[in-house]
Amino acid sequence: MIMKTLILPMCLAGLLVCGCVEPIPDPPHTLAEYAEIQRTHPQEYAASTVMRYNIQRVLDPDLPADQRVSSLELISSLVGPNGKLPAEVSTVLSQNDCPAALRKGILERGVGIAAVSNGGGSPVGVAKGGVGRLALSELFQAPAGPRRTATLQWLVENPRRDMLVDLTKLWASEAPNGPDEQLFRRVVAKLGTGKWDDVLLDSLNAKKFAARGSALSVLAGRGAEIDLLKRVRLMTAKTVSVQSMQTFGEKFGYIPANGGELLACVIIHTSGKDSLNAPARLTGQWNSKYKYKFNVRDFHLLSHLAADPIRNKIGRDQLVKQIVARLGRRRHVTGGSGPFTKQAARMTMPDLWNIVLLDEMLRRQRVALALRILADRLRAGLNSPRSGLVFYEGAKASAKLYPQSVDSTRGDRDHIPERELQRAGFGALCHLHTRFETVYNGDRAPASKREVLASNQGNFYGLVLASIDSGTFSAFYYNPDGVVVSLGLFAFGK
């Protein structure tokens, strides 16, 4: 039965892993705050981190002038009476709306735009070759182009360890072999020991590194080149992240591809290694018979099927025949998608089991009645959640709706899950979304291109239900590989 529920904040999982700890204050941005944090948390923030944080504040035109001046005073204190201000600070002087007090504070150091040291011998903002470079505070979100390339070239000659987090995040946002690929490799290699992949693997294994997900995305995107699975297995694990990766590598031959998948592995791993044994055996059987490759999005299904001695013996051919028989007897939305028979070859064992379980769920009278109630509420203008997750519970699929902040404004639009729902989805069979607010939604019955793209990017399966008339709704299943299958038309309950 579909029921309204709430998503527990994902930070709860973090508390279970890490335990409750004393909250750490934000980096200081005044001399008084810096003195206090040196007294209470002397090891928490390196001077370079405090410096960079306050450079960003000085450059931020949206901050009040007095706060920017306070950050400048802290920067001046950190460099000392005879030190030179960081190069980025001087760019404030070229701002048309630079506050007078801030300008005065910089000029009192006896420097101008071209005189501030940038560590590379070139005027501020100019790299060798005459191409203007970005301020380091602007690099994090910089698109590809001559200025970003110039900045990375400058960093090769002037390595900044405090830039590793931002560089890793920026690199992760780029496709492998992008325009600055070799520069990213050279810069990152300068910030640690060994090659670029050694630096990122060491960072994954560092307890306070703040870009693990991005580092993993970069490594996984080039995994075949560096034999990532073998490298991870050989590491001496110092963090739960690496421990989890090693466990999944050993049992499933699998390495997560990004931060979301890594978090799912960590949560599963911390529940106990023994809970992975039965799903790993079933994965091995599927791999041997059907060349199935494990993905963490399938763990929820595998863990429940592995505990079902009857269902886990059902083979692929039997599942396909069962689905063909059921869907073949049912009416479908015209032009919705290709028939199942033409797409079955592209479907994995988890796809086939998902379709069987979802079909069983939608045919249950209690579910059909709950969907009728939801449709009536939405058409009456009552605020109700439209999206949720489907779980495998008690040998059957069971759906739960989760309120999202967009529910009250999106109406019957596409399902793009919010961050908490997307993370929670790794512990479910698939995402569920309804288009019931309008009586006729037949023209929007299949999963849209945006929804299929979101499925690929978020690594989840989806089920979209759309009302066709006052008494009928359609169901479409879709997966991250772009397969969309009509499960047919179903009757709302009475």
Protein backbone atom coordinates (compact mmCIF):
# COMPACT_ATOMS: atom_id res chain seq x y z
CA MET A 1 0.00 0.00 0.00
CA ILE A 2 1.27 3.46 -0.83
CA MET A 3 1.73 5.54 2.26
CA LYS A 4 2.94 9.00 3.02
CA THR A 5 6.23 9.08 4.85
CA LEU A 6 9.20 11.34 5.45
CA ILE A 7 12.78 10.96 4.40
CA LEU A 8 15.14 10.77 7.33
CA PRO A 9 17.97 13.24 6.75
CA MET A 10 20.92 11.48 5.20
CA CYS A 11 23.16 13.12 7.77
CA LEU A 12 21.76 10.53 10.20
CA ALA A 13 23.70 7.89 8.31
CA GLY A 14 26.80 10.01 8.74
CA LEU A 15 26.23 10.18 12.48
CA LEU A 16 25.94 6.41 12.65
CA VAL A 17 29.24 6.05 10.85
CA CYS A 18 31.19 8.78 12.53
CA GLY A 19 29.56 9.21 15.90
CA CYS A 20 28.62 12.50 17.50
CA VAL A 21 31.47 15.00 17.57
CA GLU A 22 31.95 18.54 18.77
CA PRO A 23 30.96 20.92 15.96
CA ILE A 24 33.90 22.71 14.36
CA PRO A 25 33.55 26.47 13.86
CA ASP A 26 33.72 28.08 10.43
CA PRO A 27 37.11 29.42 9.33
CA PRO A 28 37.87 32.73 11.09
CA HIS A 29 37.48 36.02 9.24
CA THR A 30 38.61 38.52 11.88
CA LEU A 31 41.76 38.83 13.96
CA ALA A 32 39.78 38.10 17.14
CA GLU A 33 38.20 34.96 15.66
CA TYR A 34 41.59 33.74 14.48
CA ALA A 35 43.09 34.19 17.95
CA GLU A 36 40.16 32.27 19.47
CA ILE A 37 40.33 29.36 17.04
CA GLN A 38 44.09 29.12 17.59
CA ARG A 39 43.27 28.66 21.27
CA THR A 40 40.35 26.21 20.92
CA HIS A 41 41.07 24.30 17.67
CA PRO A 42 44.73 24.98 16.82
CA GLN A 43 44.99 22.02 14.42
CA GLU A 44 41.71 22.52 12.58
CA TYR A 45 42.61 25.16 10.01
CA ALA A 46 46.00 25.55 8.37
CA ALA A 47 47.12 29.13 7.78
CA SER A 48 46.84 28.53 4.02
CA THR A 49 43.18 27.54 4.42
CA VAL A 50 42.43 30.63 6.51
CA MET A 51 44.27 32.73 3.93
CA ARG A 52 42.30 31.38 0.99
CA TYR A 53 38.96 31.67 2.81
CA ASN A 54 39.62 35.33 3.55
CA ILE A 55 40.89 36.09 0.06
CA GLN A 56 37.50 34.94 -1.20
CA ARG A 57 35.80 37.27 1.29
CA VAL A 58 37.92 40.24 0.25
CA LEU A 59 37.00 39.59 -3.38
CA ASP A 60 33.29 39.10 -2.67
CA PRO A 61 31.43 42.29 -3.75
CA ASP A 62 28.26 41.09 -1.99
CA LEU A 63 29.83 41.23 1.47
CA PRO A 64 29.59 44.45 3.52
CA ALA A 65 32.69 46.60 3.27
CA ASP A 66 33.56 46.27 6.97
CA GLN A 67 33.63 42.47 6.70
CA ARG A 68 35.88 42.59 3.65
CA VAL A 69 38.20 44.98 5.50
CA SER A 70 38.31 42.63 8.51
CA SER A 71 39.36 39.78 6.23
CA LEU A 72 42.05 42.00 4.69
CA GLU A 73 43.38 42.78 8.16
CA LEU A 74 43.57 39.06 8.93
CA ILE A 75 45.39 38.39 5.65
CA SER A 76 47.86 41.18 6.44
CA SER A 77 48.49 39.65 9.84
CA LEU A 78 49.12 36.22 8.32
CA VAL A 79 51.69 37.47 5.79
CA GLY A 80 53.41 39.61 8.45
CA PRO A 81 54.59 43.22 8.40
CA ASN A 82 57.22 42.57 5.74
CA GLY A 83 55.24 40.06 3.68
CA LYS A 84 53.48 40.67 0.38
CA LEU A 85 49.75 40.40 -0.07
CA PRO A 86 48.52 37.45 -2.17
CA ALA A 87 48.17 38.25 -5.85
CA GLU A 88 44.40 37.89 -5.94
CA VAL A 89 43.86 40.69 -3.42
CA SER A 90 45.17 43.29 -5.84
CA THR A 91 42.36 42.61 -8.32
CA VAL A 92 40.02 44.45 -5.96
CA LEU A 93 41.72 47.70 -6.94
CA SER A 94 40.41 47.35 -10.48
CA GLN A 95 36.79 46.98 -9.34
CA ASN A 96 34.73 50.09 -10.08
CA ASP A 97 32.77 49.69 -6.85
CA CYS A 98 35.72 48.86 -4.62
CA PRO A 99 34.92 50.31 -1.14
CA ALA A 100 37.16 53.21 -0.20
CA ALA A 101 38.18 51.62 3.11
CA LEU A 102 39.24 48.41 1.36
CA ARG A 103 41.18 50.28 -1.32
CA LYS A 104 42.89 52.33 1.39
CA GLY A 105 43.85 49.17 3.31
CA ILE A 106 45.49 47.62 0.26
CA LEU A 107 47.29 50.76 -0.88
CA GLU A 108 48.63 51.34 2.64
CA ARG A 109 50.70 48.24 2.11
CA GLY A 110 52.50 50.21 -0.58
CA VAL A 111 51.36 48.07 -3.49
CA GLY A 112 49.40 48.51 -6.70
CA ILE A 113 47.87 46.15 -9.17
CA ALA A 114 51.11 45.29 -10.99
CA ALA A 115 53.33 45.38 -7.89
CA VAL A 116 51.66 42.67 -5.78
CA SER A 117 53.70 39.46 -5.80
CA ASN A 118 52.11 36.52 -7.62
CA GLY A 119 54.92 34.08 -7.04
CA GLY A 120 55.57 33.71 -10.75
CA GLY A 121 57.27 36.91 -11.84
CA SER A 122 54.38 38.08 -14.04
CA PRO A 123 51.97 40.93 -13.31
CA VAL A 124 48.81 39.88 -11.54
CA GLY A 125 46.33 38.19 -13.85
CA VAL A 126 48.88 37.60 -16.63
CA ALA A 127 50.45 34.25 -17.34
CA LYS A 128 53.50 33.59 -19.46
CA GLY A 129 52.60 34.16 -23.09
CA GLY A 130 50.52 37.21 -22.30
CA VAL A 131 47.16 35.46 -21.73
CA GLY A 132 45.29 36.82 -18.71
CA ARG A 133 44.75 34.23 -16.00
CA LEU A 134 41.97 33.93 -13.46
CA ALA A 135 42.17 34.75 -9.80
CA LEU A 136 42.50 31.44 -7.99
CA SER A 137 39.23 32.06 -6.21
CA GLU A 138 37.51 32.07 -9.63
CA LEU A 139 39.02 28.82 -10.83
CA PHE A 140 36.57 26.45 -9.12
CA GLN A 141 33.71 27.17 -11.52
CA ALA A 142 35.72 28.32 -14.52
CA PRO A 143 34.64 26.96 -17.92
CA ALA A 144 37.22 25.70 -20.40
CA GLY A 145 38.98 28.50 -22.23
CA PRO A 146 42.27 30.39 -22.60
CA ARG A 147 42.11 31.98 -19.12
CA ARG A 148 41.47 28.68 -17.35
CA THR A 149 44.26 27.05 -19.33
CA ALA A 150 46.59 29.93 -18.45
CA THR A 151 45.71 29.59 -14.76
CA LEU A 152 46.42 25.85 -14.77
CA GLN A 153 49.74 26.49 -16.54
CA TRP A 154 50.60 29.01 -13.84
CA LEU A 155 49.74 26.48 -11.13
CA VAL A 156 52.07 23.92 -12.71
CA GLU A 157 54.92 26.35 -12.03
CA ASN A 158 53.48 27.63 -8.75
CA PRO A 159 51.86 24.62 -7.00
CA ARG A 160 49.36 25.46 -4.27
CA ARG A 161 48.52 22.52 -1.99
CA ASP A 162 45.45 24.34 -0.68
CA MET A 163 44.01 24.26 -4.21
CA LEU A 164 43.77 20.46 -4.42
CA VAL A 165 40.12 20.27 -3.32
CA ASP A 166 38.94 22.91 -5.79
CA LEU A 167 41.06 21.50 -8.61
CA THR A 168 39.69 18.01 -8.02
CA LYS A 169 36.09 19.25 -8.07
CA LEU A 170 36.71 21.23 -11.25
CA TRP A 171 38.41 18.28 -12.94
CA ALA A 172 35.54 15.97 -11.96
CA SER A 173 33.10 18.27 -13.75
CA GLU A 174 34.98 17.69 -17.02
CA ALA A 175 34.62 14.66 -19.29
CA PRO A 176 37.77 12.49 -19.56
CA ASN A 177 40.24 13.78 -22.15
CA GLY A 178 38.80 17.28 -22.07
CA PRO A 179 40.76 20.28 -23.38
CA ASP A 180 42.81 20.71 -20.18
CA GLU A 181 43.19 17.00 -19.31
CA GLN A 182 47.00 16.93 -19.38
CA LEU A 183 47.25 20.19 -17.44
CA PHE A 184 44.97 18.84 -14.69
CA ARG A 185 47.19 15.77 -14.46
CA ARG A 186 50.37 17.85 -14.21
CA VAL A 187 48.96 20.27 -11.63
CA VAL A 188 47.55 17.54 -9.38
CA ALA A 189 50.78 15.55 -9.61
CA LYS A 190 52.63 18.61 -8.24
CA LEU A 191 50.43 18.60 -5.11
CA GLY A 192 51.46 15.24 -3.68
CA THR A 193 53.79 12.29 -4.11
CA GLY A 194 53.86 10.36 -7.37
CA LYS A 195 51.63 10.67 -10.42
CA TRP A 196 48.22 12.33 -10.51
CA ASP A 197 46.43 9.03 -9.75
CA ASP A 198 48.69 8.44 -6.73
CA VAL A 199 47.77 11.88 -5.38
CA LEU A 200 44.04 11.30 -5.79
CA LEU A 201 44.17 7.80 -4.29
CA ASP A 202 46.09 9.16 -1.32
CA SER A 203 43.46 11.89 -0.97
CA LEU A 204 40.66 9.29 -0.96
CA ASN A 205 42.49 7.67 1.91
CA ALA A 206 42.93 10.93 3.84
CA LYS A 207 40.42 11.45 6.65
CA LYS A 208 39.90 15.19 6.16
CA PHE A 209 39.95 15.43 2.38
CA ALA A 210 36.82 17.33 1.33
CA ALA A 211 36.45 16.14 -2.27
CA ARG A 212 36.40 12.33 -2.07
CA GLY A 213 33.45 12.01 -4.43
CA SER A 214 35.13 14.21 -7.03
CA ALA A 215 38.44 12.37 -6.70
CA LEU A 216 36.61 9.09 -7.22
CA SER A 217 34.79 10.46 -10.28
CA VAL A 218 38.12 11.44 -11.86
CA LEU A 219 39.72 8.08 -11.04
CA ALA A 220 36.72 6.00 -12.15
CA GLY A 221 36.46 7.91 -15.42
CA ARG A 222 40.01 6.75 -16.19
CA GLY A 223 39.77 3.43 -14.34
CA ALA A 224 40.76 1.16 -17.21
CA GLU A 225 43.88 3.23 -17.86
CA ILE A 226 45.14 2.96 -14.28
CA ASP A 227 43.60 -0.45 -13.35
CA LEU A 228 41.66 1.20 -10.55
CA LEU A 229 40.21 -2.00 -9.07
CA LYS A 230 43.68 -3.52 -8.62
CA ARG A 231 45.09 -0.28 -7.21
CA VAL A 232 42.31 -0.01 -4.61
CA ARG A 233 42.76 -3.62 -3.54
CA LEU A 234 46.47 -3.01 -2.87
CA MET A 235 45.92 0.08 -0.69
CA THR A 236 46.29 0.11 3.08
CA ALA A 237 42.87 1.44 4.06
CA LYS A 238 42.85 4.40 6.45
CA THR A 239 39.28 5.56 5.84
CA VAL A 240 35.90 3.85 5.77
CA SER A 241 35.58 4.98 2.15
CA VAL A 242 38.58 2.93 1.03
CA GLN A 243 37.55 0.01 3.28
CA SER A 244 34.13 -0.01 1.60
CA MET A 245 35.64 0.18 -1.88
CA GLN A 246 37.93 -2.74 -1.08
CA THR A 247 35.02 -4.83 0.23
CA PHE A 248 32.88 -4.21 -2.84
CA GLY A 249 35.88 -4.79 -5.09
CA GLU A 250 36.59 -8.13 -3.43
CA LYS A 251 33.01 -9.42 -3.29
CA PHE A 252 31.48 -7.90 -6.44
CA GLY A 253 34.42 -6.84 -8.63
CA TYR A 254 32.91 -3.35 -8.43
CA ILE A 255 34.25 0.16 -7.86
CA PRO A 256 31.77 3.03 -7.31
CA ALA A 257 31.86 5.68 -10.01
CA ASN A 258 31.13 8.82 -7.97
CA GLY A 259 30.39 10.21 -4.53
CA GLY A 260 26.75 9.09 -4.47
CA GLU A 261 27.64 5.49 -5.22
CA LEU A 262 30.50 5.63 -2.72
CA LEU A 263 28.14 6.83 0.02
CA ALA A 264 25.78 3.94 -0.77
CA CYS A 265 28.69 1.48 -0.49
CA VAL A 266 29.79 3.00 2.82
CA ILE A 267 26.29 2.71 4.32
CA ILE A 268 25.95 -0.91 3.18
CA HIS A 269 29.47 -1.78 4.31
CA THR A 270 28.95 -0.39 7.80
CA SER A 271 25.91 -2.66 8.24
CA GLY A 272 28.32 -5.59 8.26
CA LYS A 273 30.41 -7.52 5.74
CA ASP A 274 28.41 -10.71 6.29
CA SER A 275 25.30 -9.08 4.83
CA LEU A 276 27.13 -8.91 1.49
CA ASN A 277 27.92 -12.62 1.17
CA ALA A 278 24.56 -13.90 -0.12
CA PRO A 279 24.08 -11.02 -2.63
CA ALA A 280 27.66 -11.59 -3.81
CA ARG A 281 26.95 -15.28 -4.46
CA LEU A 282 23.81 -14.44 -6.46
CA THR A 283 25.80 -11.82 -8.39
CA GLY A 284 28.38 -14.47 -9.25
CA GLN A 285 25.67 -16.82 -10.52
CA TRP A 286 24.13 -14.13 -12.71
CA ASN A 287 27.55 -13.14 -14.00
CA SER A 288 28.38 -16.72 -14.92
CA LYS A 289 25.04 -17.37 -16.66
CA TYR A 290 24.12 -13.96 -18.07
CA LYS A 291 27.33 -11.85 -17.94
CA TYR A 292 25.71 -9.54 -15.37
CA LYS A 293 27.92 -6.76 -13.99
CA PHE A 294 27.10 -5.60 -10.46
CA ASN A 295 26.00 -2.03 -9.73
CA VAL A 296 25.28 -0.74 -6.24
CA ARG A 297 21.81 0.40 -7.36
CA ASP A 298 20.96 -3.33 -7.58
CA PHE A 299 22.02 -4.24 -4.04
CA HIS A 300 18.55 -3.77 -2.52
CA LEU A 301 17.02 -6.22 -5.00
CA LEU A 302 19.91 -8.69 -4.78
CA SER A 303 19.90 -8.77 -0.98
CA HIS A 304 16.19 -9.66 -0.87
CA LEU A 305 16.22 -12.11 -3.78
CA ALA A 306 19.25 -13.87 -2.31
CA ALA A 307 17.17 -14.57 0.82
CA ASP A 308 14.31 -16.06 -1.25
CA PRO A 309 15.23 -19.70 -2.08
CA ILE A 310 12.38 -20.05 -4.59
CA ARG A 311 12.64 -16.85 -6.59
CA ASN A 312 16.42 -16.66 -6.81
CA LYS A 313 16.44 -19.88 -8.84
CA ILE A 314 14.22 -18.42 -11.59
CA GLY A 315 16.21 -17.93 -14.79
CA ARG A 316 16.26 -15.21 -17.40
CA ASP A 317 14.24 -17.09 -20.03
CA GLN A 318 11.47 -17.79 -17.54
CA LEU A 319 11.31 -14.12 -16.50
CA VAL A 320 11.14 -12.94 -20.11
CA LYS A 321 8.33 -15.37 -20.94
CA GLN A 322 6.40 -14.29 -17.85
CA ILE A 323 6.70 -10.60 -18.77
CA VAL A 324 5.76 -11.19 -22.43
CA ALA A 325 2.65 -13.09 -21.36
CA ARG A 326 1.52 -10.39 -18.95
CA LEU A 327 2.26 -7.33 -21.07
CA GLY A 328 0.98 -8.94 -24.25
CA ARG A 329 -2.55 -9.24 -22.83
CA ARG A 330 -2.67 -5.60 -21.77
CA ARG A 331 -3.56 -2.40 -23.65
CA HIS A 332 -0.79 0.18 -24.06
CA VAL A 333 -0.51 3.88 -24.84
CA THR A 334 -0.09 4.30 -28.59
CA GLY A 335 3.42 5.35 -29.57
CA GLY A 336 4.66 5.30 -26.00
CA SER A 337 7.76 3.15 -26.54
CA GLY A 338 8.96 0.08 -28.35
CA PRO A 339 7.45 -3.28 -27.31
CA PHE A 340 9.14 -5.21 -24.55
CA THR A 341 10.06 -8.04 -26.91
CA LYS A 342 12.32 -5.71 -28.91
CA GLN A 343 14.03 -4.35 -25.81
CA ALA A 344 14.37 -7.48 -23.69
CA ALA A 345 17.89 -8.18 -24.99
CA ARG A 346 19.09 -4.85 -23.58
CA MET A 347 17.74 -5.61 -20.13
CA THR A 348 19.70 -7.06 -17.22
CA MET A 349 18.40 -9.49 -14.63
CA PRO A 350 17.64 -6.61 -12.22
CA ASP A 351 15.60 -4.92 -15.00
CA LEU A 352 13.54 -8.06 -15.54
CA TRP A 353 12.94 -8.61 -11.84
CA ASN A 354 12.01 -4.95 -11.37
CA ILE A 355 9.37 -5.24 -14.10
CA VAL A 356 7.93 -8.45 -12.63
CA LEU A 357 7.73 -6.98 -9.13
CA LEU A 358 6.33 -3.62 -10.26
CA ASP A 359 3.70 -5.33 -12.40
CA GLU A 360 2.60 -7.42 -9.41
CA MET A 361 2.42 -4.31 -7.24
CA LEU A 362 0.29 -2.32 -9.68
CA ARG A 363 -2.20 -5.18 -10.03
CA ARG A 364 -2.90 -5.31 -6.29
CA GLN A 365 -6.30 -3.82 -5.37
CA ARG A 366 -4.99 -1.98 -2.30
CA VAL A 367 -2.38 -0.22 -4.41
CA ALA A 368 -4.92 0.67 -7.11
CA LEU A 369 -7.22 2.17 -4.45
CA ALA A 370 -4.37 4.17 -2.90
CA LEU A 371 -3.53 5.57 -6.33
CA ARG A 372 -7.18 6.56 -6.84
CA ILE A 373 -7.14 8.45 -3.53
CA LEU A 374 -3.90 10.21 -4.49
CA ALA A 375 -5.31 11.20 -7.90
CA ASP A 376 -8.49 12.57 -6.28
CA ARG A 377 -6.46 14.64 -3.83
CA LEU A 378 -4.23 16.12 -6.52
CA ARG A 379 -7.16 16.98 -8.79
CA ALA A 380 -8.92 18.63 -5.86
CA GLY A 381 -5.90 20.91 -5.41
CA LEU A 382 -4.81 19.32 -2.12
CA ASN A 383 -1.07 19.32 -1.49
CA SER A 384 0.22 15.76 -1.72
CA PRO A 385 3.58 14.20 -2.57
CA ARG A 386 3.79 12.95 -6.14
CA SER A 387 7.10 11.10 -5.99
CA GLY A 388 8.63 8.35 -3.94
CA LEU A 389 10.49 5.07 -3.88
CA VAL A 390 9.55 1.43 -4.37
CA PHE A 391 11.01 -1.12 -1.95
CA TYR A 392 11.17 -4.91 -1.90
CA GLU A 393 9.52 -5.87 1.38
CA GLY A 394 7.94 -9.18 2.40
CA ALA A 395 8.63 -10.79 -0.99
CA LYS A 396 6.75 -8.02 -2.86
CA ALA A 397 7.22 -4.48 -4.09
CA SER A 398 5.84 -1.72 -1.87
CA ALA A 399 5.75 1.99 -2.69
CA LYS A 400 6.14 4.94 -0.35
CA LEU A 401 5.62 8.59 -1.29
CA TYR A 402 8.11 11.19 -0.11
CA PRO A 403 7.29 14.91 -0.05
CA GLN A 404 9.76 17.04 -2.01
CA SER A 405 9.95 20.82 -1.87
CA VAL A 406 9.04 21.02 -5.57
CA ASP A 407 5.82 19.02 -5.20
CA SER A 408 3.62 22.03 -4.50
CA THR A 409 4.81 23.89 -7.61
CA ARG A 410 5.77 21.33 -10.22
CA GLY A 411 2.42 19.76 -10.88
CA ASP A 412 2.73 16.93 -13.38
CA ARG A 413 6.17 17.89 -14.64
CA ASP A 414 9.26 15.68 -14.96
CA HIS A 415 10.68 13.73 -12.06
CA ILE A 416 14.11 15.12 -11.17
CA PRO A 417 14.73 13.83 -7.63
CA GLU A 418 16.09 16.07 -4.93
CA ARG A 419 19.38 15.16 -3.33
CA GLU A 420 17.98 13.37 -0.26
CA LEU A 421 15.55 11.30 -2.34
CA GLN A 422 18.28 10.42 -4.83
CA ARG A 423 20.57 9.21 -2.06
CA ALA A 424 17.80 7.27 -0.34
CA GLY A 425 17.03 5.66 -3.70
CA PHE A 426 20.16 3.49 -3.48
CA GLY A 427 18.29 1.55 -0.80
CA ALA A 428 15.24 0.92 -3.01
CA LEU A 429 14.20 -0.91 -6.17
CA CYS A 430 13.39 2.23 -8.12
CA HIS A 431 11.99 5.75 -8.09
CA LEU A 432 8.26 6.34 -8.53
CA HIS A 433 6.61 9.43 -10.00
CA THR A 434 2.95 10.16 -10.75
CA ARG A 435 1.28 12.47 -13.25
CA PHE A 436 -2.25 12.49 -11.86
CA GLU A 437 -3.01 16.18 -11.38
CA THR A 438 -4.64 16.38 -14.82
CA VAL A 439 -7.24 13.77 -15.78
CA TYR A 440 -5.69 13.24 -19.22
CA ASN A 441 -1.91 12.98 -19.33
CA GLY A 442 -1.61 10.49 -22.17
CA ASP A 443 0.65 12.78 -24.19
CA ARG A 444 3.11 12.79 -21.27
CA ALA A 445 2.71 9.15 -20.25
CA PRO A 446 6.19 7.81 -21.12
CA ALA A 447 9.29 8.85 -19.24
CA SER A 448 10.64 12.06 -20.80
CA LYS A 449 14.15 12.58 -22.13
CA ARG A 450 14.97 14.67 -19.05
CA GLU A 451 13.79 11.90 -16.75
CA VAL A 452 15.83 9.26 -18.57
CA LEU A 453 18.87 11.57 -18.45
CA ALA A 454 18.34 12.13 -14.71
CA SER A 455 18.15 8.36 -14.30
CA ASN A 456 21.50 8.00 -16.04
CA GLN A 457 23.15 10.78 -14.07
CA GLY A 458 21.71 9.65 -10.75
CA ASN A 459 22.11 5.90 -11.45
CA PHE A 460 18.55 4.81 -10.61
CA TYR A 461 15.62 2.95 -12.15
CA GLY A 462 12.28 4.72 -12.57
CA LEU A 463 8.54 4.09 -12.79
CA VAL A 464 6.23 6.84 -14.04
CA LEU A 465 2.43 6.57 -13.70
CA ALA A 466 0.20 8.92 -15.74
CA SER A 467 -3.59 9.20 -15.74
CA ILE A 468 -5.14 8.44 -19.14
CA ASP A 469 -8.74 9.16 -18.14
CA SER A 470 -10.76 9.32 -14.92
CA GLY A 471 -10.45 5.57 -14.35
CA THR A 472 -7.22 4.50 -16.02
CA PHE A 473 -3.50 5.13 -15.68
CA SER A 474 -0.45 4.01 -17.65
CA ALA A 475 2.84 2.71 -16.29
CA PHE A 476 6.29 3.08 -17.87
CA TYR A 477 9.52 1.60 -16.54
CA TYR A 478 12.89 3.12 -17.49
CA ASN A 479 16.53 2.49 -16.67
CA PRO A 480 19.83 4.43 -16.75
CA ASP A 481 20.75 2.89 -20.11
CA GLY A 482 17.87 4.68 -21.84
CA VAL A 483 15.46 1.73 -22.09
CA VAL A 484 11.80 2.73 -21.67
CA VAL A 485 9.15 0.00 -21.47
CA SER A 486 5.37 0.30 -21.27
CA LEU A 487 3.87 -1.95 -18.61
CA GLY A 488 0.45 -1.15 -20.03
CA LEU A 489 -2.79 0.41 -18.75
CA PHE A 490 -4.18 -0.26 -15.27
CA ALA A 491 -7.48 0.60 -13.60
CA PHE A 492 -7.63 2.92 -10.61
CA GLY A 493 -9.16 1.24 -7.56
CA LYS A 494 -12.74 1.91 -6.44
